[in-house]
């Protein structure tokens, strides 16, 4: 049975909380096991040295585990633990990873807002998760205070100026609300400095392939549009009505 389409006037009362284990989201998660995302490949290149020189890493917001597996399969000397707050996604991650029998990969249920204390973790990574949380400060403070890693590697939506945006997205046809927040890198650095960390490098992720526009325009889905920049063609990544300012960011202890 089709869901009732929500009118704009009904958004606040009828929209569901954010979920990543509905049928459309699950298709997104599972596709990555057979076709790794370009951003995952670029993440590995950007943080190659930090990952290779770490004994233990925690991946927060691992979803169904495909990206964590991709990194672990290329760094056998590094132990990876993938965390996600969805028990359903972690069950899938464990089942899917069994086939590959990696000794350096494990998955656990874990809430970014209520992390347990960890010992012996060299680094924390998170791919495409921070901007989908209601805010930046509380989850980052959890890492700083509870895990206390030597370094943190993030991919999310950022802006190089001192401007942050809180963006709430309502997919009315799905009765679904999500965040697509864009955080200031300067704000992130100020927060990090409060807890003995600092942003040491960052880089914009420019995708190297064309992504087609989704057939269903009522559902968020990333596609690319080409623009000219200094006589060279560059791909802008767009999802629904939003420009996706993807960045990789490395934070380290001072």
C-alpha atoms as a PDB file:
ATOM      1  CA  UNK A   1       0.000   0.000   0.000  1.00  0.00           C
ATOM      2  CA  UNK A   2       1.342   3.441  -0.898  1.00  0.00           C
ATOM      3  CA  UNK A   3       1.946   5.877   1.891  1.00  0.00           C
ATOM      4  CA  UNK A   4      -0.191   8.964   2.048  1.00  0.00           C
ATOM      5  CA  UNK A   5       1.556  11.963   0.497  1.00  0.00           C
ATOM      6  CA  UNK A   6       2.115  14.580   3.178  1.00  0.00           C
ATOM      7  CA  UNK A   7       1.041  18.146   2.482  1.00  0.00           C
ATOM      8  CA  UNK A   8       3.490  20.915   3.463  1.00  0.00           C
ATOM      9  CA  UNK A   9       1.130  22.064   6.229  1.00  0.00           C
ATOM     10  CA  UNK A  10       1.309  18.584   7.769  1.00  0.00           C
ATOM     11  CA  UNK A  11       5.096  18.214   7.734  1.00  0.00           C
ATOM     12  CA  UNK A  12       5.825  18.930  11.391  1.00  0.00           C
ATOM     13  CA  UNK A  13       3.099  16.648  12.746  1.00  0.00           C
ATOM     14  CA  UNK A  14       3.341  13.696  10.356  1.00  0.00           C
ATOM     15  CA  UNK A  15       6.976  13.375   9.359  1.00  0.00           C
ATOM     16  CA  UNK A  16       8.884  10.405  10.752  1.00  0.00           C
ATOM     17  CA  UNK A  17      12.212  10.531  12.539  1.00  0.00           C
ATOM     18  CA  UNK A  18      15.371   9.871  10.570  1.00  0.00           C
ATOM     19  CA  UNK A  19      15.961   6.231   9.729  1.00  0.00           C
ATOM     20  CA  UNK A  20      18.551   4.509   7.557  1.00  0.00           C
ATOM     21  CA  UNK A  21      17.095   1.005   7.464  1.00  0.00           C
ATOM     22  CA  UNK A  22      13.949   1.583   5.398  1.00  0.00           C
ATOM     23  CA  UNK A  23      13.731  -0.110   1.999  1.00  0.00           C
ATOM     24  CA  UNK A  24      15.179   2.771  -0.043  1.00  0.00           C
ATOM     25  CA  UNK A  25      18.044   3.341   2.393  1.00  0.00           C
ATOM     26  CA  UNK A  26      18.724  -0.382   2.566  1.00  0.00           C
ATOM     27  CA  UNK A  27      19.120  -0.539  -1.200  1.00  0.00           C
ATOM     28  CA  UNK A  28      21.700   2.254  -0.891  1.00  0.00           C
ATOM     29  CA  UNK A  29      23.591   0.355   1.828  1.00  0.00           C
ATOM     30  CA  UNK A  30      23.626  -2.971   0.033  1.00  0.00           C
ATOM     31  CA  UNK A  31      24.733  -1.587  -3.321  1.00  0.00           C
ATOM     32  CA  UNK A  32      28.029  -0.521  -1.741  1.00  0.00           C
ATOM     33  CA  UNK A  33      28.996  -4.133  -1.054  1.00  0.00           C
ATOM     34  CA  UNK A  34      29.189  -4.836  -4.793  1.00  0.00           C
ATOM     35  CA  UNK A  35      30.028  -1.343  -6.054  1.00  0.00           C
ATOM     36  CA  UNK A  36      32.187   0.738  -3.701  1.00  0.00           C
ATOM     37  CA  UNK A  37      31.477   4.442  -3.749  1.00  0.00           C
ATOM     38  CA  UNK A  38      34.001   6.822  -5.300  1.00  0.00           C
ATOM     39  CA  UNK A  39      34.016   8.778  -2.041  1.00  0.00           C
ATOM     40  CA  UNK A  40      35.076   5.652  -0.108  1.00  0.00           C
ATOM     41  CA  UNK A  41      37.986   5.095  -2.494  1.00  0.00           C
ATOM     42  CA  UNK A  42      38.991   8.761  -2.186  1.00  0.00           C
ATOM     43  CA  UNK A  43      38.682   8.576   1.626  1.00  0.00           C
ATOM     44  CA  UNK A  44      41.232   5.755   1.670  1.00  0.00           C
ATOM     45  CA  UNK A  45      43.636   7.779  -0.464  1.00  0.00           C
ATOM     46  CA  UNK A  46      43.273  10.907   1.682  1.00  0.00           C
ATOM     47  CA  UNK A  47      43.863   9.080   4.989  1.00  0.00           C
ATOM     48  CA  UNK A  48      46.168   6.343   3.682  1.00  0.00           C
ATOM     49  CA  UNK A  49      49.111   7.157   5.958  1.00  0.00           C
ATOM     50  CA  UNK A  50      47.042   7.604   9.107  1.00  0.00           C
ATOM     51  CA  UNK A  51      45.169   4.329   8.565  1.00  0.00           C
ATOM     52  CA  UNK A  52      48.275   2.332   7.677  1.00  0.00           C
ATOM     53  CA  UNK A  53      50.102   3.608  10.776  1.00  0.00           C
ATOM     54  CA  UNK A  54      47.266   2.775  13.185  1.00  0.00           C
ATOM     55  CA  UNK A  55      46.805  -0.493  15.022  1.00  0.00           C
ATOM     56  CA  UNK A  56      43.151  -0.002  16.026  1.00  0.00           C
ATOM     57  CA  UNK A  57      40.467   2.140  14.376  1.00  0.00           C
ATOM     58  CA  UNK A  58      36.802   2.780  15.149  1.00  0.00           C
ATOM     59  CA  UNK A  59      34.432   3.675  12.311  1.00  0.00           C
ATOM     60  CA  UNK A  60      31.386   5.529  13.691  1.00  0.00           C
ATOM     61  CA  UNK A  61      28.238   5.408  11.588  1.00  0.00           C
ATOM     62  CA  UNK A  62      29.334   2.321   9.670  1.00  0.00           C
ATOM     63  CA  UNK A  63      25.830   1.521   8.414  1.00  0.00           C
ATOM     64  CA  UNK A  64      25.703  -1.924   6.808  1.00  0.00           C
ATOM     65  CA  UNK A  65      29.494  -2.084   6.874  1.00  0.00           C
ATOM     66  CA  UNK A  66      30.508  -1.906   3.206  1.00  0.00           C
ATOM     67  CA  UNK A  67      32.815   1.096   3.517  1.00  0.00           C
ATOM     68  CA  UNK A  68      34.456  -0.262   6.678  1.00  0.00           C
ATOM     69  CA  UNK A  69      35.041  -3.553   4.893  1.00  0.00           C
ATOM     70  CA  UNK A  70      36.578  -1.753   1.895  1.00  0.00           C
ATOM     71  CA  UNK A  71      39.114  -0.027   4.164  1.00  0.00           C
ATOM     72  CA  UNK A  72      39.852  -3.126   6.249  1.00  0.00           C
ATOM     73  CA  UNK A  73      40.418  -5.309   3.175  1.00  0.00           C
ATOM     74  CA  UNK A  74      43.198  -2.974   2.082  1.00  0.00           C
ATOM     75  CA  UNK A  75      44.846  -2.554   5.493  1.00  0.00           C
ATOM     76  CA  UNK A  76      45.309  -6.019   6.980  1.00  0.00           C
ATOM     77  CA  UNK A  77      47.626  -4.761   9.736  1.00  0.00           C
ATOM     78  CA  UNK A  78      44.959  -2.399  11.098  1.00  0.00           C
ATOM     79  CA  UNK A  79      42.046  -3.617  13.218  1.00  0.00           C
ATOM     80  CA  UNK A  80      38.694  -2.018  12.362  1.00  0.00           C
ATOM     81  CA  UNK A  81      35.557  -1.881  14.520  1.00  0.00           C
ATOM     82  CA  UNK A  82      32.445  -0.549  12.768  1.00  0.00           C
ATOM     83  CA  UNK A  83      29.784   1.051  14.966  1.00  0.00           C
ATOM     84  CA  UNK A  84      26.217   1.971  14.122  1.00  0.00           C
ATOM     85  CA  UNK A  85      23.173   2.754  16.239  1.00  0.00           C
ATOM     86  CA  UNK A  86      20.936   0.532  14.074  1.00  0.00           C
ATOM     87  CA  UNK A  87      20.899  -3.066  15.290  1.00  0.00           C
ATOM     88  CA  UNK A  88      19.412  -4.144  11.953  1.00  0.00           C
ATOM     89  CA  UNK A  89      22.278  -2.620   9.979  1.00  0.00           C
ATOM     90  CA  UNK A  90      24.894  -4.151  12.274  1.00  0.00           C
ATOM     91  CA  UNK A  91      23.323  -7.598  11.847  1.00  0.00           C
ATOM     92  CA  UNK A  92      23.600  -7.156   8.079  1.00  0.00           C
ATOM     93  CA  UNK A  93      27.197  -5.929   8.378  1.00  0.00           C
ATOM     94  CA  UNK A  94      28.158  -9.012  10.392  1.00  0.00           C
ATOM     95  CA  UNK A  95      26.432 -11.372   7.970  1.00  0.00           C
ATOM     96  CA  UNK A  96      27.901  -9.757   4.846  1.00  0.00           C
ATOM     97  CA  UNK A  97      31.424  -9.614   6.269  1.00  0.00           C
ATOM     98  CA  UNK A  98      31.400 -13.315   7.208  1.00  0.00           C
ATOM     99  CA  UNK A  99      31.829 -14.216   3.553  1.00  0.00           C
ATOM    100  CA  UNK A 100      35.196 -12.433   3.402  1.00  0.00           C
ATOM    101  CA  UNK A 101      36.574 -13.786   6.686  1.00  0.00           C
ATOM    102  CA  UNK A 102      38.673 -10.745   7.542  1.00  0.00           C
ATOM    103  CA  UNK A 103      40.436 -11.185  10.872  1.00  0.00           C
ATOM    104  CA  UNK A 104      40.848  -7.410  11.290  1.00  0.00           C
ATOM    105  CA  UNK A 105      37.161  -6.456  11.016  1.00  0.00           C
ATOM    106  CA  UNK A 106      34.325  -6.498  13.580  1.00  0.00           C
ATOM    107  CA  UNK A 107      31.008  -4.687  14.039  1.00  0.00           C
ATOM    108  CA  UNK A 108      29.157  -3.513  17.149  1.00  0.00           C
ATOM    109  CA  UNK A 109      26.007  -1.564  17.950  1.00  0.00           C
ATOM    110  CA  UNK A 110      27.023   1.863  19.205  1.00  0.00           C
ATOM    111  CA  UNK A 111      25.334   5.250  19.593  1.00  0.00           C
ATOM    112  CA  UNK A 112      27.548   8.229  18.661  1.00  0.00           C
ATOM    113  CA  UNK A 113      25.847  10.320  21.357  1.00  0.00           C
ATOM    114  CA  UNK A 114      26.552   7.721  24.060  1.00  0.00           C
ATOM    115  CA  UNK A 115      29.931   6.240  23.304  1.00  0.00           C
ATOM    116  CA  UNK A 116      31.605   3.948  25.794  1.00  0.00           C
ATOM    117  CA  UNK A 117      35.174   4.564  26.885  1.00  0.00           C
ATOM    118  CA  UNK A 118      37.724   2.964  24.596  1.00  0.00           C
ATOM    119  CA  UNK A 119      41.354   2.148  25.262  1.00  0.00           C
ATOM    120  CA  UNK A 120      44.079   1.598  22.721  1.00  0.00           C
ATOM    121  CA  UNK A 121      42.253   3.231  19.789  1.00  0.00           C
ATOM    122  CA  UNK A 122      44.649   5.112  17.529  1.00  0.00           C
ATOM    123  CA  UNK A 123      42.092   6.718  15.249  1.00  0.00           C
ATOM    124  CA  UNK A 124      38.411   7.356  14.706  1.00  0.00           C
ATOM    125  CA  UNK A 125      36.902   7.640  11.252  1.00  0.00           C
ATOM    126  CA  UNK A 126      33.426   8.505  10.062  1.00  0.00           C
ATOM    127  CA  UNK A 127      32.234   8.536   6.476  1.00  0.00           C
ATOM    128  CA  UNK A 128      29.254  10.673   5.487  1.00  0.00           C
ATOM    129  CA  UNK A 129      27.583  10.662   8.889  1.00  0.00           C
ATOM    130  CA  UNK A 130      28.292  13.844  10.867  1.00  0.00           C
ATOM    131  CA  UNK A 131      26.138  16.125   8.699  1.00  0.00           C
ATOM    132  CA  UNK A 132      23.193  13.747   9.118  1.00  0.00           C
ATOM    133  CA  UNK A 133      23.159  14.243  12.887  1.00  0.00           C
ATOM    134  CA  UNK A 134      21.154  17.071  14.502  1.00  0.00           C
ATOM    135  CA  UNK A 135      24.333  18.920  15.526  1.00  0.00           C
ATOM    136  CA  UNK A 136      28.119  18.744  15.469  1.00  0.00           C
ATOM    137  CA  UNK A 137      29.247  19.597  19.007  1.00  0.00           C
ATOM    138  CA  UNK A 138      27.844  16.726  21.095  1.00  0.00           C
ATOM    139  CA  UNK A 139      28.999  13.862  18.846  1.00  0.00           C
ATOM    140  CA  UNK A 140      32.469  15.368  18.415  1.00  0.00           C
ATOM    141  CA  UNK A 141      32.842  15.913  22.166  1.00  0.00           C
ATOM    142  CA  UNK A 142      31.959  12.238  22.662  1.00  0.00           C
ATOM    143  CA  UNK A 143      34.971  11.312  20.528  1.00  0.00           C
ATOM    144  CA  UNK A 144      37.258  13.797  22.264  1.00  0.00           C
ATOM    145  CA  UNK A 145      36.262  12.717  25.775  1.00  0.00           C
ATOM    146  CA  UNK A 146      35.330   9.035  25.519  1.00  0.00           C
ATOM    147  CA  UNK A 147      37.681   7.624  22.873  1.00  0.00           C
ATOM    148  CA  UNK A 148      40.509  10.186  22.901  1.00  0.00           C
ATOM    149  CA  UNK A 149      42.153   8.961  19.681  1.00  0.00           C
ATOM    150  CA  UNK A 150      45.386  10.318  18.255  1.00  0.00           C
ATOM    151  CA  UNK A 151      43.575  11.372  15.103  1.00  0.00           C
ATOM    152  CA  UNK A 152      40.100  11.690  13.611  1.00  0.00           C
ATOM    153  CA  UNK A 153      39.218  11.381   9.923  1.00  0.00           C
ATOM    154  CA  UNK A 154      35.891  12.747   8.685  1.00  0.00           C
ATOM    155  CA  UNK A 155      34.041  12.991   5.409  1.00  0.00           C
ATOM    156  CA  UNK A 156      30.984  15.215   5.538  1.00  0.00           C
ATOM    157  CA  UNK A 157      29.515  18.505   4.354  1.00  0.00           C
ATOM    158  CA  UNK A 158      31.732  21.455   5.278  1.00  0.00           C
ATOM    159  CA  UNK A 159      32.341  25.089   4.343  1.00  0.00           C
ATOM    160  CA  UNK A 160      35.729  26.796   4.487  1.00  0.00           C
ATOM    161  CA  UNK A 161      34.314  30.090   5.732  1.00  0.00           C
ATOM    162  CA  UNK A 162      32.966  30.839   9.208  1.00  0.00           C
ATOM    163  CA  UNK A 163      29.367  29.968   8.341  1.00  0.00           C
ATOM    164  CA  UNK A 164      27.403  26.875   9.357  1.00  0.00           C
ATOM    165  CA  UNK A 165      23.968  25.827   8.125  1.00  0.00           C
ATOM    166  CA  UNK A 166      21.410  23.626   9.824  1.00  0.00           C
ATOM    167  CA  UNK A 167      19.425  21.997   7.026  1.00  0.00           C
ATOM    168  CA  UNK A 168      16.326  19.889   7.700  1.00  0.00           C
ATOM    169  CA  UNK A 169      15.115  17.883   4.712  1.00  0.00           C
ATOM    170  CA  UNK A 170      11.544  16.602   4.499  1.00  0.00           C
ATOM    171  CA  UNK A 171      10.911  13.873   1.937  1.00  0.00           C
ATOM    172  CA  UNK A 172       7.150  14.218   2.033  1.00  0.00           C
ATOM    173  CA  UNK A 173       6.383  11.173  -0.105  1.00  0.00           C
ATOM    174  CA  UNK A 174       8.348   9.006   2.373  1.00  0.00           C
ATOM    175  CA  UNK A 175       7.148  10.796   5.525  1.00  0.00           C
ATOM    176  CA  UNK A 176      10.834  11.120   6.370  1.00  0.00           C
ATOM    177  CA  UNK A 177      12.993  13.826   7.901  1.00  0.00           C
ATOM    178  CA  UNK A 178      16.777  13.985   7.656  1.00  0.00           C
ATOM    179  CA  UNK A 179      19.514  16.513   8.336  1.00  0.00           C
ATOM    180  CA  UNK A 180      21.950  17.710   5.694  1.00  0.00           C
ATOM    181  CA  UNK A 181      23.878  20.138   7.903  1.00  0.00           C
ATOM    182  CA  UNK A 182      26.893  22.027   6.566  1.00  0.00           C
ATOM    183  CA  UNK A 183      29.500  22.835   9.220  1.00  0.00           C
ATOM    184  CA  UNK A 184      32.133  25.548   9.203  1.00  0.00           C
ATOM    185  CA  UNK A 185      35.676  24.169   9.223  1.00  0.00           C
ATOM    186  CA  UNK A 186      36.677  27.147  11.380  1.00  0.00           C
ATOM    187  CA  UNK A 187      33.954  26.272  13.873  1.00  0.00           C
ATOM    188  CA  UNK A 188      35.134  22.658  13.911  1.00  0.00           C
ATOM    189  CA  UNK A 189      38.701  23.785  14.572  1.00  0.00           C
ATOM    190  CA  UNK A 190      37.612  26.032  17.458  1.00  0.00           C
ATOM    191  CA  UNK A 191      35.684  23.152  19.004  1.00  0.00           C
ATOM    192  CA  UNK A 192      38.616  20.791  18.550  1.00  0.00           C
ATOM    193  CA  UNK A 193      40.967  23.251  20.235  1.00  0.00           C
ATOM    194  CA  UNK A 194      38.792  23.233  23.349  1.00  0.00           C
ATOM    195  CA  UNK A 195      39.634  19.547  23.795  1.00  0.00           C
ATOM    196  CA  UNK A 196      43.275  19.499  22.752  1.00  0.00           C
ATOM    197  CA  UNK A 197      42.796  18.753  19.046  1.00  0.00           C
ATOM    198  CA  UNK A 198      43.123  20.783  15.865  1.00  0.00           C
ATOM    199  CA  UNK A 199      42.281  20.544  12.177  1.00  0.00           C
ATOM    200  CA  UNK A 200      45.577  19.801  10.439  1.00  0.00           C
ATOM    201  CA  UNK A 201      44.417  19.340   6.851  1.00  0.00           C
ATOM    202  CA  UNK A 202      41.291  19.221   4.741  1.00  0.00           C
ATOM    203  CA  UNK A 203      40.442  18.745   1.094  1.00  0.00           C
ATOM    204  CA  UNK A 204      37.367  18.990  -1.094  1.00  0.00           C
ATOM    205  CA  UNK A 205      36.129  15.760  -2.617  1.00  0.00           C
ATOM    206  CA  UNK A 206      35.576  16.233  -6.343  1.00  0.00           C
ATOM    207  CA  UNK A 207      34.052  13.124  -7.848  1.00  0.00           C
ATOM    208  CA  UNK A 208      35.668  11.814 -11.020  1.00  0.00           C
ATOM    209  CA  UNK A 209      32.613  10.252 -12.655  1.00  0.00           C
ATOM    210  CA  UNK A 210      29.197  11.436 -13.805  1.00  0.00           C
ATOM    211  CA  UNK A 211      26.226  10.417 -11.674  1.00  0.00           C
ATOM    212  CA  UNK A 212      22.816  10.420 -13.414  1.00  0.00           C
ATOM    213  CA  UNK A 213      19.886  12.352 -12.045  1.00  0.00           C
ATOM    214  CA  UNK A 214      17.480  10.069 -10.119  1.00  0.00           C
ATOM    215  CA  UNK A 215      14.276   9.149 -11.892  1.00  0.00           C
ATOM    216  CA  UNK A 216      12.298   9.757  -8.709  1.00  0.00           C
ATOM    217  CA  UNK A 217      12.723  13.444  -7.891  1.00  0.00           C
ATOM    218  CA  UNK A 218      10.763  13.046  -4.647  1.00  0.00           C
ATOM    219  CA  UNK A 219      13.619  11.109  -3.013  1.00  0.00           C
ATOM    220  CA  UNK A 220      17.046  12.491  -2.117  1.00  0.00           C
ATOM    221  CA  UNK A 221      19.739  11.013  -4.330  1.00  0.00           C
ATOM    222  CA  UNK A 222      23.094  12.382  -5.446  1.00  0.00           C
ATOM    223  CA  UNK A 223      23.744  13.312  -9.066  1.00  0.00           C
ATOM    224  CA  UNK A 224      26.302  15.508 -10.828  1.00  0.00           C
ATOM    225  CA  UNK A 225      26.167  18.595 -13.036  1.00  0.00           C
ATOM    226  CA  UNK A 226      29.211  19.847 -14.926  1.00  0.00           C
ATOM    227  CA  UNK A 227      30.339  23.461 -14.636  1.00  0.00           C
ATOM    228  CA  UNK A 228      33.306  25.357 -16.036  1.00  0.00           C
ATOM    229  CA  UNK A 229      35.911  26.483 -13.517  1.00  0.00           C
ATOM    230  CA  UNK A 230      38.960  28.317 -14.878  1.00  0.00           C
ATOM    231  CA  UNK A 231      38.294  26.825 -18.335  1.00  0.00           C
ATOM    232  CA  UNK A 232      38.243  23.299 -16.827  1.00  0.00           C
ATOM    233  CA  UNK A 233      35.139  21.204 -16.331  1.00  0.00           C
ATOM    234  CA  UNK A 234      34.205  20.331 -12.752  1.00  0.00           C
ATOM    235  CA  UNK A 235      31.382  18.173 -11.427  1.00  0.00           C
ATOM    236  CA  UNK A 236      29.082  19.576  -8.780  1.00  0.00           C
ATOM    237  CA  UNK A 237      27.380  16.994  -6.582  1.00  0.00           C
ATOM    238  CA  UNK A 238      23.718  17.675  -5.906  1.00  0.00           C
ATOM    239  CA  UNK A 239      21.123  15.780  -3.881  1.00  0.00           C
ATOM    240  CA  UNK A 240      17.504  16.820  -4.315  1.00  0.00           C
ATOM    241  CA  UNK A 241      17.595  20.627  -4.107  1.00  0.00           C
ATOM    242  CA  UNK A 242      20.937  20.822  -2.263  1.00  0.00           C
ATOM    243  CA  UNK A 243      24.558  21.329  -3.281  1.00  0.00           C
ATOM    244  CA  UNK A 244      26.732  18.738  -1.545  1.00  0.00           C
ATOM    245  CA  UNK A 245      29.916  20.350  -0.211  1.00  0.00           C
ATOM    246  CA  UNK A 246      31.885  17.169   0.459  1.00  0.00           C
ATOM    247  CA  UNK A 247      35.196  17.510   2.310  1.00  0.00           C
ATOM    248  CA  UNK A 248      37.715  15.220   3.946  1.00  0.00           C
ATOM    249  CA  UNK A 249      39.021  16.565   7.259  1.00  0.00           C
ATOM    250  CA  UNK A 250      41.884  15.337   9.461  1.00  0.00           C
ATOM    251  CA  UNK A 251      42.071  16.293  13.143  1.00  0.00           C
ATOM    252  CA  UNK A 252      44.989  15.429  15.396  1.00  0.00           C
ATOM    253  CA  UNK A 253      45.939  15.862  19.024  1.00  0.00           C
ATOM    254  CA  UNK A 254      48.045  18.958  19.610  1.00  0.00           C
END
